[in-house]
Amino acid sequence: MAHKCFISFKTEDMDYKKKIQEDMDIDMIDKSLDEPINSDDEDYIMRKIREDYLADSTVTIYLIGEYSAENLLYENQAYIKRELQASLYIKRELQASLYNGENNTKNGILGIVLPSMYDKVYKGKEQCSVCGKNHNIVCINDNTTIKEFSYNYYIPKESGCSWSEDERYCVLVKWEDFKNDPETYIDNAFNKRKSEISKKTKVRP
C-alpha cells in the first residue's frame, strides 16, 4: 500500500529530500513549509501547518542531519538565529504531525538518520548494569533530534531498562537501510498510528 509522505528537513539536507522524491518509487506529497506563518499563536500555526501542508499525508519523514537537533551551538549569532528559526519549523511540523483531533489524525513519524549522524546516534553495545544484558546504545536526545521526536521515541515508562519496538511511537532507521527498502519503514511508521503506544504520544513534550 502506498502512503502519502510529508518530508520535514533542513535546507542543508535538501539533497537527501530530492533523492527520496526523485530516485525512490514512493507515493508522496511534498508541501514543505518554505515561508513562515505570520502568527505568534502556536495553536493557529499548528492548525495551518496541518491543514495547508500536512492534510493529505499519513507519514511524516524527518531527516535527522547535523543541523536538525534541539540544541544548536554556533559561534556566529546571526547564524544561530536563522538556524533556530528553521528548527522551529521542524518542531511545528512534527507537532502538527502528532496532533490528533477533529478532521486531523496523527501521522506516523519516521526518522531517517543521515550518514553524517551515524556516529553521534549509534554508539554500539553496552552491558546494562540493571539486567546484565547487552543493549544497543542509540542516542536520541536534544543533541541529535528535535524533542518532539526524542520524547516519542523514548516514551517515558515506569519500569524496564530498554525499549521494545512496541514501546516506541517514532520509527528510526539509517539512511542506507531506508534506501534499500523504503516501503517497509514507511509501512512501519504508518501502522504505529493505530497501535496502543499511539495513545501515549505527546504533541509538545
N, C-alpha and C. Protein backbone atom coordinates (compact mmCIF):
# COMPACT_ATOMS: atom_id res chain seq x y z
N MET A 1 0.84 -1.20 0.00
CA MET A 1 0.00 0.00 0.00
C MET A 1 0.87 1.25 0.00
N ALA A 2 0.62 2.14 -0.92
CA ALA A 2 1.38 3.39 -1.00
C ALA A 2 0.83 4.40 -0.01
N HIS A 3 1.72 5.15 0.62
CA HIS A 3 1.31 6.17 1.59
C HIS A 3 1.81 7.54 1.13
N LYS A 4 1.08 8.55 1.49
CA LYS A 4 1.49 9.91 1.17
C LYS A 4 2.36 10.44 2.31
N CYS A 5 3.53 10.92 1.94
CA CYS A 5 4.51 11.30 2.95
C CYS A 5 4.87 12.77 2.86
N PHE A 6 5.02 13.38 4.03
CA PHE A 6 5.48 14.75 4.15
C PHE A 6 6.91 14.71 4.67
N ILE A 7 7.82 15.44 4.04
CA ILE A 7 9.22 15.40 4.44
C ILE A 7 9.57 16.65 5.24
N SER A 8 10.01 16.44 6.48
CA SER A 8 10.45 17.54 7.34
C SER A 8 11.97 17.54 7.34
N PHE A 9 12.58 18.66 6.96
CA PHE A 9 14.02 18.66 6.73
C PHE A 9 14.61 20.06 6.89
N LYS A 10 15.94 20.13 7.03
CA LYS A 10 16.66 21.39 6.99
C LYS A 10 17.21 21.57 5.58
N THR A 11 17.43 22.81 5.18
CA THR A 11 17.89 23.08 3.82
C THR A 11 19.23 22.39 3.52
N GLU A 12 20.06 22.21 4.57
CA GLU A 12 21.34 21.55 4.38
C GLU A 12 21.18 20.09 3.91
N ASP A 13 20.00 19.52 4.13
CA ASP A 13 19.75 18.13 3.78
C ASP A 13 18.86 17.99 2.54
N MET A 14 18.78 19.06 1.76
CA MET A 14 17.92 19.06 0.58
C MET A 14 18.25 17.93 -0.38
N ASP A 15 19.52 17.60 -0.53
CA ASP A 15 19.90 16.55 -1.48
C ASP A 15 19.25 15.21 -1.13
N TYR A 16 19.15 14.92 0.16
CA TYR A 16 18.52 13.67 0.58
C TYR A 16 17.02 13.70 0.32
N LYS A 17 16.42 14.86 0.52
CA LYS A 17 15.00 15.00 0.20
C LYS A 17 14.76 14.73 -1.28
N LYS A 18 15.62 15.29 -2.14
CA LYS A 18 15.47 15.10 -3.58
C LYS A 18 15.65 13.63 -3.97
N LYS A 19 16.57 12.94 -3.29
CA LYS A 19 16.78 11.53 -3.58
C LYS A 19 15.52 10.72 -3.26
N ILE A 20 14.86 11.07 -2.16
CA ILE A 20 13.62 10.38 -1.81
C ILE A 20 12.54 10.66 -2.86
N GLN A 21 12.46 11.90 -3.29
CA GLN A 21 11.44 12.28 -4.26
C GLN A 21 11.70 11.73 -5.66
N GLU A 22 12.94 11.81 -6.07
CA GLU A 22 13.26 11.55 -7.47
C GLU A 22 13.81 10.16 -7.76
N ASP A 23 14.45 9.53 -6.77
CA ASP A 23 15.11 8.26 -7.02
C ASP A 23 14.38 7.05 -6.44
N MET A 24 13.38 7.30 -5.62
CA MET A 24 12.66 6.19 -4.99
C MET A 24 11.20 6.20 -5.41
N ASP A 25 10.65 5.05 -5.66
CA ASP A 25 9.28 4.93 -6.14
C ASP A 25 8.32 4.90 -4.96
N ILE A 26 8.07 6.09 -4.40
CA ILE A 26 7.21 6.21 -3.22
C ILE A 26 6.11 7.21 -3.53
N ASP A 27 4.88 6.86 -3.22
CA ASP A 27 3.75 7.76 -3.42
C ASP A 27 3.75 8.77 -2.28
N MET A 28 3.96 10.05 -2.59
CA MET A 28 4.03 11.05 -1.53
C MET A 28 3.59 12.42 -2.06
N ILE A 29 3.30 13.29 -1.13
CA ILE A 29 3.12 14.70 -1.46
C ILE A 29 4.26 15.46 -0.80
N ASP A 30 4.62 16.56 -1.37
CA ASP A 30 5.67 17.38 -0.78
C ASP A 30 5.18 18.81 -0.69
N LYS A 31 4.76 19.20 0.50
CA LYS A 31 4.27 20.55 0.72
C LYS A 31 5.03 21.16 1.91
N SER A 32 6.33 21.03 1.87
CA SER A 32 7.16 21.51 2.96
C SER A 32 6.98 23.01 3.17
N LEU A 33 7.05 23.42 4.41
CA LEU A 33 6.85 24.82 4.77
C LEU A 33 8.08 25.63 4.39
N ASP A 34 7.94 26.51 3.38
CA ASP A 34 9.06 27.32 2.92
C ASP A 34 8.99 28.75 3.45
N GLU A 35 7.82 29.22 3.78
CA GLU A 35 7.64 30.57 4.30
C GLU A 35 7.05 30.50 5.70
N PRO A 36 7.54 31.36 6.62
CA PRO A 36 6.99 31.34 7.99
C PRO A 36 5.53 31.78 8.01
N ILE A 37 4.76 31.20 8.91
CA ILE A 37 3.36 31.60 9.09
C ILE A 37 3.33 32.81 9.99
N ASN A 38 2.68 33.85 9.54
CA ASN A 38 2.70 35.14 10.23
C ASN A 38 1.74 35.14 11.42
N SER A 39 2.18 34.54 12.52
CA SER A 39 1.36 34.49 13.73
C SER A 39 2.23 34.11 14.92
N ASP A 40 1.85 34.58 16.10
CA ASP A 40 2.51 34.18 17.35
C ASP A 40 1.67 33.17 18.11
N ASP A 41 0.52 32.81 17.55
CA ASP A 41 -0.40 31.87 18.18
C ASP A 41 0.00 30.45 17.79
N GLU A 42 0.54 29.69 18.75
CA GLU A 42 1.03 28.35 18.44
C GLU A 42 -0.07 27.43 17.94
N ASP A 43 -1.27 27.55 18.52
CA ASP A 43 -2.38 26.70 18.07
C ASP A 43 -2.74 27.00 16.62
N TYR A 44 -2.72 28.28 16.27
CA TYR A 44 -3.03 28.67 14.89
C TYR A 44 -1.96 28.15 13.94
N ILE A 45 -0.68 28.29 14.33
CA ILE A 45 0.41 27.82 13.49
C ILE A 45 0.28 26.32 13.24
N MET A 46 0.02 25.57 14.31
CA MET A 46 -0.13 24.13 14.17
C MET A 46 -1.29 23.77 13.25
N ARG A 47 -2.40 24.48 13.41
CA ARG A 47 -3.58 24.18 12.60
C ARG A 47 -3.30 24.49 11.13
N LYS A 48 -2.64 25.61 10.85
CA LYS A 48 -2.34 25.98 9.47
C LYS A 48 -1.37 24.98 8.82
N ILE A 49 -0.36 24.56 9.58
CA ILE A 49 0.57 23.57 9.03
C ILE A 49 -0.17 22.28 8.72
N ARG A 50 -1.03 21.88 9.65
CA ARG A 50 -1.77 20.63 9.46
C ARG A 50 -2.71 20.74 8.26
N GLU A 51 -3.46 21.83 8.17
CA GLU A 51 -4.47 21.97 7.12
C GLU A 51 -3.84 22.24 5.74
N ASP A 52 -2.82 23.10 5.72
CA ASP A 52 -2.29 23.56 4.44
C ASP A 52 -1.10 22.76 3.92
N TYR A 53 -0.41 22.07 4.84
CA TYR A 53 0.81 21.39 4.42
C TYR A 53 0.80 19.89 4.68
N LEU A 54 0.03 19.45 5.67
CA LEU A 54 0.08 18.04 6.05
C LEU A 54 -1.25 17.31 5.88
N ALA A 55 -2.27 18.01 5.39
CA ALA A 55 -3.62 17.46 5.38
C ALA A 55 -3.75 16.12 4.67
N ASP A 56 -3.03 15.94 3.58
CA ASP A 56 -3.18 14.73 2.78
C ASP A 56 -2.17 13.64 3.11
N SER A 57 -1.34 13.87 4.11
CA SER A 57 -0.29 12.91 4.40
C SER A 57 -0.64 12.03 5.59
N THR A 58 -0.02 10.86 5.65
CA THR A 58 -0.24 9.94 6.77
C THR A 58 1.07 9.57 7.47
N VAL A 59 2.20 9.87 6.83
CA VAL A 59 3.51 9.60 7.42
C VAL A 59 4.39 10.84 7.25
N THR A 60 5.01 11.28 8.33
CA THR A 60 5.97 12.37 8.26
C THR A 60 7.38 11.79 8.34
N ILE A 61 8.18 12.09 7.33
CA ILE A 61 9.57 11.65 7.29
C ILE A 61 10.44 12.80 7.80
N TYR A 62 11.15 12.54 8.87
CA TYR A 62 12.00 13.54 9.49
C TYR A 62 13.46 13.19 9.21
N LEU A 63 14.13 14.02 8.43
CA LEU A 63 15.53 13.78 8.10
C LEU A 63 16.42 14.27 9.24
N ILE A 64 17.12 13.34 9.87
CA ILE A 64 17.94 13.66 11.04
C ILE A 64 19.38 13.90 10.58
N GLY A 65 19.70 15.17 10.39
CA GLY A 65 21.03 15.56 9.95
C GLY A 65 21.76 16.35 11.02
N GLU A 66 22.88 16.93 10.65
CA GLU A 66 23.72 17.64 11.61
C GLU A 66 23.08 18.94 12.11
N TYR A 67 22.09 19.46 11.40
CA TYR A 67 21.54 20.77 11.73
C TYR A 67 20.08 20.70 12.17
N SER A 68 19.62 19.52 12.57
CA SER A 68 18.18 19.38 12.87
C SER A 68 17.91 18.96 14.32
N ALA A 69 18.83 19.30 15.24
CA ALA A 69 18.66 18.93 16.64
C ALA A 69 18.07 20.06 17.46
N GLU A 70 17.59 19.74 18.63
CA GLU A 70 17.02 20.72 19.56
C GLU A 70 18.09 21.73 20.00
N ASN A 71 19.24 21.23 20.34
CA ASN A 71 20.34 22.09 20.81
C ASN A 71 21.28 22.42 19.66
N LEU A 72 21.34 23.69 19.30
CA LEU A 72 22.23 24.13 18.23
C LEU A 72 23.20 25.15 18.79
N LEU A 73 24.48 24.86 18.71
CA LEU A 73 25.51 25.75 19.26
C LEU A 73 26.46 26.18 18.15
N TYR A 74 26.41 27.47 17.82
CA TYR A 74 27.30 28.03 16.80
C TYR A 74 27.89 29.33 17.31
N GLU A 75 29.06 29.69 16.77
CA GLU A 75 29.72 30.91 17.20
C GLU A 75 29.07 32.14 16.60
N ASN A 76 28.60 32.04 15.37
CA ASN A 76 28.01 33.17 14.69
C ASN A 76 26.57 33.37 15.13
N GLN A 77 26.29 34.48 15.81
CA GLN A 77 24.97 34.69 16.40
C GLN A 77 23.88 34.84 15.35
N ALA A 78 24.18 35.48 14.23
CA ALA A 78 23.17 35.61 13.17
C ALA A 78 22.81 34.24 12.63
N TYR A 79 23.81 33.37 12.52
CA TYR A 79 23.56 32.02 12.03
C TYR A 79 22.72 31.25 13.03
N ILE A 80 23.02 31.45 14.32
CA ILE A 80 22.23 30.80 15.36
C ILE A 80 20.76 31.15 15.22
N LYS A 81 20.49 32.45 15.07
CA LYS A 81 19.10 32.90 14.98
C LYS A 81 18.40 32.28 13.79
N ARG A 82 19.07 32.26 12.65
CA ARG A 82 18.47 31.68 11.44
C ARG A 82 18.22 30.19 11.59
N GLU A 83 19.21 29.49 12.19
CA GLU A 83 19.10 28.05 12.34
C GLU A 83 18.01 27.68 13.34
N LEU A 84 17.91 28.45 14.43
CA LEU A 84 16.86 28.17 15.41
C LEU A 84 15.48 28.39 14.81
N GLN A 85 15.34 29.42 13.97
CA GLN A 85 14.06 29.67 13.32
C GLN A 85 13.70 28.52 12.40
N ALA A 86 14.70 28.02 11.65
CA ALA A 86 14.46 26.90 10.75
C ALA A 86 14.11 25.64 11.53
N SER A 87 14.78 25.45 12.67
CA SER A 87 14.47 24.29 13.50
C SER A 87 13.06 24.38 14.07
N LEU A 88 12.62 25.62 14.30
CA LEU A 88 11.26 25.82 14.80
C LEU A 88 10.24 25.29 13.81
N TYR A 89 10.52 25.43 12.52
CA TYR A 89 9.60 24.89 11.52
C TYR A 89 9.49 23.38 11.66
N ILE A 90 10.63 22.70 11.88
CA ILE A 90 10.60 21.26 12.06
C ILE A 90 9.77 20.91 13.29
N LYS A 91 9.95 21.67 14.37
CA LYS A 91 9.17 21.41 15.58
C LYS A 91 7.68 21.53 15.31
N ARG A 92 7.30 22.60 14.60
CA ARG A 92 5.88 22.80 14.30
C ARG A 92 5.35 21.68 13.40
N GLU A 93 6.17 21.25 12.46
CA GLU A 93 5.74 20.19 11.55
C GLU A 93 5.55 18.87 12.30
N LEU A 94 6.46 18.57 13.21
CA LEU A 94 6.31 17.34 13.99
C LEU A 94 5.16 17.44 14.98
N GLN A 95 4.99 18.62 15.56
CA GLN A 95 3.85 18.82 16.47
C GLN A 95 2.54 18.64 15.73
N ALA A 96 2.43 19.24 14.56
CA ALA A 96 1.22 19.09 13.76
C ALA A 96 1.01 17.65 13.33
N SER A 97 2.10 16.95 13.06
CA SER A 97 2.01 15.55 12.66
C SER A 97 1.52 14.67 13.80
N LEU A 98 1.85 15.05 15.03
CA LEU A 98 1.45 14.27 16.21
C LEU A 98 0.06 14.63 16.71
N TYR A 99 -0.46 15.76 16.24
CA TYR A 99 -1.76 16.24 16.72
C TYR A 99 -2.89 15.33 16.23
N ASN A 100 -3.80 15.02 17.13
CA ASN A 100 -4.93 14.15 16.80
C ASN A 100 -6.20 14.84 17.27
N GLY A 101 -7.04 15.27 16.34
CA GLY A 101 -8.27 15.95 16.70
C GLY A 101 -9.29 15.85 15.59
N GLU A 102 -10.31 16.68 15.65
CA GLU A 102 -11.38 16.65 14.66
C GLU A 102 -10.81 16.94 13.27
N ASN A 103 -11.06 16.05 12.34
CA ASN A 103 -10.57 16.16 10.96
C ASN A 103 -9.05 16.12 10.87
N ASN A 104 -8.41 15.75 11.95
CA ASN A 104 -6.95 15.67 11.95
C ASN A 104 -6.50 14.41 12.67
N THR A 105 -6.04 13.44 11.93
CA THR A 105 -5.49 12.24 12.56
C THR A 105 -3.98 12.32 12.51
N LYS A 106 -3.34 11.83 13.56
CA LYS A 106 -1.89 11.96 13.64
C LYS A 106 -1.20 11.13 12.56
N ASN A 107 -0.04 11.59 12.17
CA ASN A 107 0.81 10.88 11.22
C ASN A 107 1.70 9.88 11.95
N GLY A 108 2.12 8.86 11.24
CA GLY A 108 3.25 8.08 11.71
C GLY A 108 4.50 8.92 11.53
N ILE A 109 5.50 8.73 12.39
CA ILE A 109 6.73 9.51 12.31
C ILE A 109 7.90 8.59 12.02
N LEU A 110 8.57 8.83 10.91
CA LEU A 110 9.74 8.05 10.53
C LEU A 110 10.97 8.93 10.53
N GLY A 111 11.91 8.65 11.43
CA GLY A 111 13.15 9.40 11.49
C GLY A 111 14.24 8.68 10.71
N ILE A 112 14.83 9.36 9.75
CA ILE A 112 15.92 8.77 8.96
C ILE A 112 17.23 9.42 9.37
N VAL A 113 18.11 8.62 9.94
CA VAL A 113 19.41 9.12 10.37
C VAL A 113 20.33 9.20 9.16
N LEU A 114 20.76 10.41 8.82
CA LEU A 114 21.63 10.60 7.67
C LEU A 114 23.06 10.19 8.02
N PRO A 115 23.87 9.81 7.01
CA PRO A 115 25.21 9.26 7.27
C PRO A 115 26.09 10.10 8.18
N SER A 116 25.99 11.43 8.09
CA SER A 116 26.83 12.30 8.91
C SER A 116 26.52 12.18 10.40
N MET A 117 25.37 11.56 10.73
CA MET A 117 24.95 11.44 12.12
C MET A 117 25.09 10.03 12.68
N TYR A 118 25.54 9.09 11.88
CA TYR A 118 25.64 7.70 12.35
C TYR A 118 26.42 7.60 13.65
N ASP A 119 27.62 8.20 13.69
CA ASP A 119 28.47 8.06 14.87
C ASP A 119 27.91 8.77 16.10
N LYS A 120 27.10 9.80 15.88
CA LYS A 120 26.52 10.53 17.00
C LYS A 120 25.30 9.82 17.58
N VAL A 121 24.60 9.06 16.73
CA VAL A 121 23.38 8.38 17.16
C VAL A 121 23.65 6.95 17.62
N TYR A 122 24.41 6.23 16.85
CA TYR A 122 24.63 4.81 17.12
C TYR A 122 25.98 4.60 17.82
N LYS A 123 25.94 4.17 19.07
CA LYS A 123 27.13 4.08 19.92
C LYS A 123 27.52 2.64 20.24
N GLY A 124 27.04 1.69 19.47
CA GLY A 124 27.40 0.30 19.71
C GLY A 124 26.62 -0.33 20.85
N LYS A 125 27.18 -1.36 21.45
CA LYS A 125 26.52 -2.09 22.53
C LYS A 125 27.20 -1.80 23.87
N GLU A 126 26.41 -1.96 24.93
CA GLU A 126 26.93 -1.74 26.28
C GLU A 126 26.20 -2.65 27.24
N GLN A 127 26.92 -3.21 28.19
CA GLN A 127 26.29 -4.09 29.17
C GLN A 127 25.48 -3.26 30.17
N CYS A 128 24.24 -3.66 30.37
CA CYS A 128 23.34 -2.93 31.26
C CYS A 128 23.65 -3.28 32.71
N SER A 129 23.75 -2.29 33.58
CA SER A 129 24.02 -2.51 34.99
C SER A 129 22.80 -3.02 35.74
N VAL A 130 21.62 -2.93 35.10
CA VAL A 130 20.37 -3.35 35.73
C VAL A 130 20.07 -4.82 35.43
N CYS A 131 20.07 -5.19 34.14
CA CYS A 131 19.69 -6.55 33.76
C CYS A 131 20.87 -7.43 33.36
N GLY A 132 22.03 -6.82 33.15
CA GLY A 132 23.21 -7.59 32.79
C GLY A 132 23.31 -7.94 31.32
N LYS A 133 22.29 -7.61 30.52
CA LYS A 133 22.30 -7.89 29.09
C LYS A 133 22.98 -6.76 28.32
N ASN A 134 23.39 -7.07 27.10
CA ASN A 134 23.96 -6.05 26.23
C ASN A 134 22.85 -5.35 25.46
N HIS A 135 22.82 -4.04 25.54
CA HIS A 135 21.83 -3.24 24.82
C HIS A 135 22.51 -2.39 23.76
N ASN A 136 21.81 -2.17 22.65
CA ASN A 136 22.28 -1.21 21.66
C ASN A 136 22.11 0.20 22.22
N ILE A 137 23.14 1.00 22.15
CA ILE A 137 23.08 2.38 22.63
C ILE A 137 22.73 3.28 21.46
N VAL A 138 21.53 3.85 21.52
CA VAL A 138 21.04 4.73 20.47
C VAL A 138 20.77 6.10 21.09
N CYS A 139 21.57 7.07 20.75
CA CYS A 139 21.49 8.40 21.35
C CYS A 139 20.47 9.27 20.62
N ILE A 140 19.25 9.17 21.04
CA ILE A 140 18.19 10.03 20.52
C ILE A 140 17.83 10.98 21.66
N ASN A 141 18.29 12.22 21.53
CA ASN A 141 18.10 13.22 22.58
C ASN A 141 18.16 14.61 21.97
N ASP A 142 18.23 15.64 22.82
CA ASP A 142 18.22 17.01 22.31
C ASP A 142 19.46 17.37 21.51
N ASN A 143 20.51 16.58 21.63
CA ASN A 143 21.74 16.86 20.87
C ASN A 143 21.71 16.25 19.47
N THR A 144 20.76 15.37 19.22
CA THR A 144 20.71 14.71 17.91
C THR A 144 19.39 14.92 17.18
N THR A 145 18.31 15.17 17.91
CA THR A 145 17.00 15.32 17.26
C THR A 145 16.18 16.42 17.93
N ILE A 146 15.06 16.72 17.32
CA ILE A 146 14.07 17.61 17.92
C ILE A 146 13.37 16.86 19.05
N LYS A 147 13.02 17.58 20.11
CA LYS A 147 12.41 16.96 21.30
C LYS A 147 11.13 16.20 20.97
N GLU A 148 10.37 16.69 19.99
CA GLU A 148 9.13 16.01 19.61
C GLU A 148 9.40 14.60 19.10
N PHE A 149 10.56 14.40 18.53
CA PHE A 149 10.93 13.06 18.08
C PHE A 149 11.49 12.24 19.24
N SER A 150 12.43 12.80 19.98
CA SER A 150 13.12 12.03 21.03
C SER A 150 12.15 11.57 22.11
N TYR A 151 11.21 12.43 22.50
CA TYR A 151 10.24 12.03 23.53
C TYR A 151 9.39 10.87 23.05
N ASN A 152 8.94 10.95 21.81
CA ASN A 152 8.03 9.92 21.29
C ASN A 152 8.76 8.69 20.75
N TYR A 153 10.07 8.73 20.80
CA TYR A 153 10.88 7.54 20.52
C TYR A 153 11.15 6.80 21.83
N TYR A 154 11.58 7.56 22.82
CA TYR A 154 11.77 7.00 24.17
C TYR A 154 10.64 7.50 25.06
N ILE A 155 9.44 6.99 24.85
CA ILE A 155 8.28 7.40 25.64
C ILE A 155 8.49 6.95 27.09
N PRO A 156 8.40 7.86 28.05
CA PRO A 156 8.64 7.50 29.45
C PRO A 156 7.77 6.33 29.90
N LYS A 157 8.37 5.45 30.70
CA LYS A 157 7.64 4.30 31.22
C LYS A 157 8.08 4.04 32.65
N GLU A 158 7.28 3.26 33.37
CA GLU A 158 7.50 3.07 34.80
C GLU A 158 8.62 2.08 35.12
N SER A 159 8.84 1.13 34.25
CA SER A 159 9.85 0.11 34.55
C SER A 159 10.53 -0.36 33.27
N GLY A 160 11.65 -1.08 33.45
CA GLY A 160 12.38 -1.60 32.30
C GLY A 160 13.59 -0.73 31.99
N CYS A 161 14.64 -1.37 31.51
CA CYS A 161 15.89 -0.66 31.23
C CYS A 161 16.11 -0.43 29.74
N SER A 162 15.19 -0.90 28.92
CA SER A 162 15.29 -0.68 27.47
C SER A 162 13.88 -0.61 26.89
N TRP A 163 13.81 -0.18 25.64
CA TRP A 163 12.52 -0.04 24.96
C TRP A 163 12.40 -1.06 23.84
N SER A 164 11.26 -1.73 23.78
CA SER A 164 10.97 -2.59 22.64
C SER A 164 10.34 -1.73 21.55
N GLU A 165 10.22 -2.27 20.35
CA GLU A 165 9.61 -1.52 19.25
C GLU A 165 8.17 -1.16 19.57
N ASP A 166 7.48 -2.01 20.31
CA ASP A 166 6.08 -1.73 20.67
C ASP A 166 5.96 -0.59 21.66
N GLU A 167 7.07 -0.23 22.33
CA GLU A 167 7.05 0.83 23.32
C GLU A 167 7.49 2.17 22.75
N ARG A 168 7.75 2.20 21.46
CA ARG A 168 8.13 3.44 20.78
C ARG A 168 7.05 3.81 19.77
N TYR A 169 6.80 5.11 19.64
CA TYR A 169 5.89 5.54 18.57
C TYR A 169 6.69 5.87 17.31
N CYS A 170 7.75 6.65 17.47
CA CYS A 170 8.56 7.01 16.31
C CYS A 170 9.39 5.82 15.84
N VAL A 171 9.54 5.73 14.54
CA VAL A 171 10.36 4.68 13.92
C VAL A 171 11.68 5.31 13.51
N LEU A 172 12.78 4.58 13.71
CA LEU A 172 14.11 5.09 13.40
C LEU A 172 14.82 4.15 12.45
N VAL A 173 15.53 4.73 11.47
CA VAL A 173 16.25 3.90 10.50
C VAL A 173 17.45 4.67 9.96
N LYS A 174 18.53 3.96 9.67
CA LYS A 174 19.67 4.56 8.98
C LYS A 174 19.30 4.82 7.52
N TRP A 175 19.92 5.84 6.95
CA TRP A 175 19.67 6.18 5.55
C TRP A 175 19.91 5.00 4.63
N GLU A 176 21.00 4.28 4.82
CA GLU A 176 21.32 3.17 3.93
C GLU A 176 20.26 2.08 3.98
N ASP A 177 19.75 1.79 5.17
CA ASP A 177 18.71 0.76 5.31
C ASP A 177 17.40 1.24 4.69
N PHE A 178 17.08 2.51 4.90
CA PHE A 178 15.86 3.07 4.30
C PHE A 178 15.94 3.02 2.78
N LYS A 179 17.08 3.39 2.25
CA LYS A 179 17.26 3.43 0.81
C LYS A 179 17.05 2.06 0.18
N ASN A 180 17.42 1.01 0.89
CA ASN A 180 17.30 -0.35 0.37
C ASN A 180 15.87 -0.89 0.42
N ASP A 181 15.06 -0.35 1.33
CA ASP A 181 13.69 -0.88 1.49
C ASP A 181 12.77 0.18 2.07
N PRO A 182 12.56 1.28 1.36
CA PRO A 182 11.79 2.41 1.91
C PRO A 182 10.36 2.07 2.30
N GLU A 183 9.70 1.24 1.50
CA GLU A 183 8.29 0.96 1.77
C GLU A 183 8.08 0.26 3.11
N THR A 184 9.01 -0.62 3.49
CA THR A 184 8.86 -1.33 4.76
C THR A 184 8.87 -0.36 5.94
N TYR A 185 9.79 0.58 5.93
CA TYR A 185 9.91 1.52 7.05
C TYR A 185 8.76 2.53 7.06
N ILE A 186 8.31 2.93 5.90
CA ILE A 186 7.14 3.81 5.82
C ILE A 186 5.90 3.07 6.32
N ASP A 187 5.76 1.81 5.94
CA ASP A 187 4.65 0.99 6.44
C ASP A 187 4.70 0.89 7.96
N ASN A 188 5.89 0.67 8.51
CA ASN A 188 6.03 0.55 9.97
C ASN A 188 5.56 1.82 10.67
N ALA A 189 5.94 2.96 10.13
CA ALA A 189 5.53 4.23 10.72
C ALA A 189 4.02 4.42 10.58
N PHE A 190 3.48 4.08 9.43
CA PHE A 190 2.04 4.21 9.19
C PHE A 190 1.26 3.35 10.18
N ASN A 191 1.72 2.12 10.41
CA ASN A 191 1.00 1.19 11.30
C ASN A 191 1.02 1.62 12.76
N LYS A 192 1.98 2.45 13.14
CA LYS A 192 2.04 2.94 14.52
C LYS A 192 0.84 3.80 14.88
N ARG A 193 0.20 4.38 13.88
CA ARG A 193 -0.93 5.28 14.12
C ARG A 193 -2.07 4.60 14.85
N LYS A 194 -2.24 3.30 14.64
CA LYS A 194 -3.34 2.56 15.25
C LYS A 194 -2.88 1.65 16.39
N SER A 195 -1.63 1.78 16.78
CA SER A 195 -1.09 0.91 17.83
C SER A 195 -1.42 1.45 19.21
N GLU A 196 -1.24 0.62 20.24
CA GLU A 196 -1.52 1.04 21.61
C GLU A 196 -0.61 2.18 22.05
N ILE A 197 0.64 2.16 21.61
CA ILE A 197 1.58 3.19 22.05
C ILE A 197 1.20 4.57 21.52
N SER A 198 0.38 4.62 20.48
CA SER A 198 -0.04 5.91 19.92
C SER A 198 -0.85 6.72 20.94
N LYS A 199 -1.42 6.03 21.92
CA LYS A 199 -2.20 6.72 22.96
C LYS A 199 -1.32 7.46 23.96
N LYS A 200 -0.01 7.19 23.92
CA LYS A 200 0.89 7.77 24.91
C LYS A 200 1.80 8.86 24.30
N THR A 201 1.55 9.24 23.06
CA THR A 201 2.39 10.26 22.45
C THR A 201 2.09 11.64 23.04
N LYS A 202 3.02 12.54 22.88
CA LYS A 202 2.84 13.90 23.37
C LYS A 202 3.19 14.86 22.24
N VAL A 203 2.30 15.82 22.00
CA VAL A 203 2.50 16.78 20.92
C VAL A 203 3.58 17.79 21.28
N ARG A 204 3.55 18.26 22.52
CA ARG A 204 4.52 19.26 22.98
C ARG A 204 5.23 18.76 24.23
N PRO A 205 6.29 17.99 24.07
CA PRO A 205 6.99 17.43 25.23
C PRO A 205 7.58 18.53 26.12
